[in-house]
N, C-alpha and C. Protein backbone atom coordinates (compact mmCIF):
# COMPACT_ATOMS: atom_id res chain seq x y z
N MET A 1 -47.64 3.79 -3.26
CA MET A 1 -46.30 3.22 -3.24
C MET A 1 -45.64 4.10 -3.01
N ARG A 2 -44.40 3.67 -2.83
CA ARG A 2 -42.86 4.88 -3.16
C ARG A 2 -41.91 4.04 -3.94
N GLU A 3 -42.04 4.44 -4.72
CA GLU A 3 -40.99 3.93 -6.12
C GLU A 3 -39.70 3.17 -5.87
N PHE A 4 -38.87 3.94 -4.35
CA PHE A 4 -37.77 3.11 -4.66
C PHE A 4 -38.27 2.49 -2.83
N TYR A 5 -39.55 1.84 -2.87
CA TYR A 5 -39.52 1.20 -1.07
C TYR A 5 -38.76 0.51 -1.19
N PRO A 6 -37.91 0.05 -0.23
CA PRO A 6 -37.62 0.52 1.00
C PRO A 6 -37.19 1.92 1.04
N PHE A 7 -36.07 2.32 -0.30
CA PHE A 7 -35.25 3.03 0.00
C PHE A 7 -36.35 4.44 -0.18
N CYS A 8 -35.35 5.31 0.27
CA CYS A 8 -36.02 7.07 0.06
C CYS A 8 -35.27 7.38 -1.07
N SER A 9 -34.83 7.20 -2.06
CA SER A 9 -34.18 6.99 -3.56
C SER A 9 -33.46 6.57 -3.72
N THR A 10 -33.40 6.00 -4.94
CA THR A 10 -32.23 5.69 -6.57
C THR A 10 -31.06 5.66 -5.89
N ARG A 11 -30.02 6.84 -5.22
CA ARG A 11 -29.07 7.05 -4.46
C ARG A 11 -29.35 5.74 -3.46
N CYS A 12 -29.91 6.15 -2.65
CA CYS A 12 -29.88 5.02 -0.47
C CYS A 12 -30.12 4.04 -1.64
N LYS A 13 -30.61 3.35 -2.55
CA LYS A 13 -30.26 2.35 -3.23
C LYS A 13 -29.32 1.92 -3.48
N ASP A 14 -28.10 2.83 -4.26
CA ASP A 14 -27.30 2.21 -4.95
C ASP A 14 -26.58 2.07 -4.09
N ILE A 15 -26.48 3.06 -2.69
CA ILE A 15 -25.29 2.97 -1.56
C ILE A 15 -25.26 1.64 -0.59
N ASP A 16 -26.82 1.55 -0.42
CA ASP A 16 -27.20 0.00 -0.37
C ASP A 16 -26.45 -1.67 -0.89
N LEU A 17 -27.06 -1.09 -2.10
CA LEU A 17 -26.50 -2.79 -2.54
C LEU A 17 -24.95 -2.68 -2.84
N ASN A 18 -24.07 -1.38 -2.84
CA ASN A 18 -22.69 -1.19 -3.57
C ASN A 18 -22.16 -1.02 -1.93
N ARG A 19 -22.49 -1.53 -0.89
CA ARG A 19 -21.93 -2.27 0.81
C ARG A 19 -22.63 -3.68 1.01
N TRP A 20 -23.37 -4.16 0.38
CA TRP A 20 -23.45 -5.83 -0.48
C TRP A 20 -22.66 -6.05 -0.84
N LEU A 21 -22.21 -5.68 -1.94
CA LEU A 21 -21.18 -5.56 -2.86
C LEU A 21 -19.78 -5.42 -2.77
N SER A 22 -19.79 -4.71 -1.89
CA SER A 22 -18.47 -5.09 -1.31
C SER A 22 -17.74 -5.24 -0.49
N GLY A 23 -18.61 -6.66 0.09
CA GLY A 23 -18.11 -7.08 1.77
C GLY A 23 -19.12 -5.92 2.92
N GLY A 24 -19.05 -4.98 2.66
CA GLY A 24 -19.89 -4.27 4.12
C GLY A 24 -21.02 -4.79 5.20
N TYR A 25 -21.94 -5.14 4.46
CA TYR A 25 -22.35 -5.63 5.00
C TYR A 25 -22.05 -7.46 4.44
N ALA A 26 -22.87 -8.63 5.21
CA ALA A 26 -22.59 -9.79 5.16
C ALA A 26 -23.12 -10.56 6.72
N ILE A 27 -23.86 -11.49 6.66
CA ILE A 27 -25.10 -12.06 6.83
C ILE A 27 -23.68 -13.39 7.87
N PRO A 28 -24.42 -13.29 9.95
CA PRO A 28 -22.91 -13.40 10.05
C PRO A 28 -23.32 -15.40 10.23
N VAL A 29 -22.49 -16.37 10.48
CA VAL A 29 -22.69 -17.30 10.70
C VAL A 29 -22.21 -18.00 12.38
N ARG A 30 -22.77 -18.85 12.49
CA ARG A 30 -21.49 -19.39 13.57
C ARG A 30 -20.12 -20.93 13.20
N ASP A 31 -19.31 -20.58 13.50
CA ASP A 31 -18.59 -21.22 13.66
C ASP A 31 -18.40 -23.19 13.43
N ASP A 32 -19.39 -23.28 14.38
CA ASP A 32 -19.71 -24.84 14.29
C ASP A 32 -20.55 -25.80 13.89
N GLU A 33 -20.95 -25.21 12.83
CA GLU A 33 -22.68 -25.43 11.38
C GLU A 33 -21.87 -25.92 10.67
N GLU A 34 -21.63 -27.22 10.28
CA GLU A 34 -20.99 -27.83 9.01
C GLU A 34 -22.42 -27.16 7.46
N GLU A 35 -20.34 -27.68 7.80
CA GLU A 35 -21.92 -28.25 5.94
C GLU A 35 -22.85 -28.59 5.58
N PRO A 36 -24.09 -28.42 4.78
CA PRO A 36 -24.30 -29.87 4.55
C PRO A 36 -23.28 -30.91 3.90
N GLY A 37 -24.21 -32.28 4.03
CA GLY A 37 -23.55 -32.95 3.91
C GLY A 37 -22.50 -33.59 3.52
N GLY A 38 -22.11 -33.14 4.72
CA GLY A 38 -20.38 -32.62 5.68
C GLY A 38 -20.72 -34.55 6.20
N GLU A 39 -19.41 -34.65 6.43
CA GLU A 39 -18.53 -35.44 7.50
C GLU A 39 -19.77 -35.53 8.94
N GLY A 40 -20.18 -36.34 9.38
CA GLY A 40 -21.44 -36.85 10.89
C GLY A 40 -22.48 -35.89 10.22
N SER A 41 -22.88 -35.35 9.25
CA SER A 41 -24.71 -34.63 9.48
C SER A 41 -25.66 -35.63 9.72
N GLY A 42 -24.92 -37.71 9.18
CA GLY A 42 -25.96 -37.75 9.48
C GLY A 42 -27.03 -38.26 7.84
N GLY A 43 -26.59 -37.63 7.77
CA GLY A 43 -27.70 -37.66 5.86
C GLY A 43 -26.97 -38.62 4.95
N PRO A 44 -27.35 -38.38 4.14
CA PRO A 44 -27.42 -39.87 3.40
C PRO A 44 -26.28 -40.16 2.81
N GLN A 45 -25.59 -41.02 2.87
CA GLN A 45 -23.93 -42.01 2.86
C GLN A 45 -24.02 -42.06 1.18
N THR A 46 -22.98 -41.53 0.28
CA THR A 46 -22.67 -41.63 -1.31
C THR A 46 -22.10 -43.76 -1.10
N PRO A 47 -22.60 -44.73 -1.37
CA PRO A 47 -21.72 -45.58 -1.53
C PRO A 47 -20.05 -45.82 -2.39
N ALA A 48 -19.32 -45.95 -1.34
CA ALA A 48 -18.13 -46.17 -1.38
C ALA A 48 -17.68 -46.93 -2.65
């Protein structure tokens, strides 16, 4: 088993981590997705 898997070295691992922390990488989301528990979500409602 490689020591730095899935990276080739500590340097590559650190570069990847920096890209995630600086916002260079992002997980895409669709604009039409609603927040969990938001209006119209069909989830449980709290009494008013």
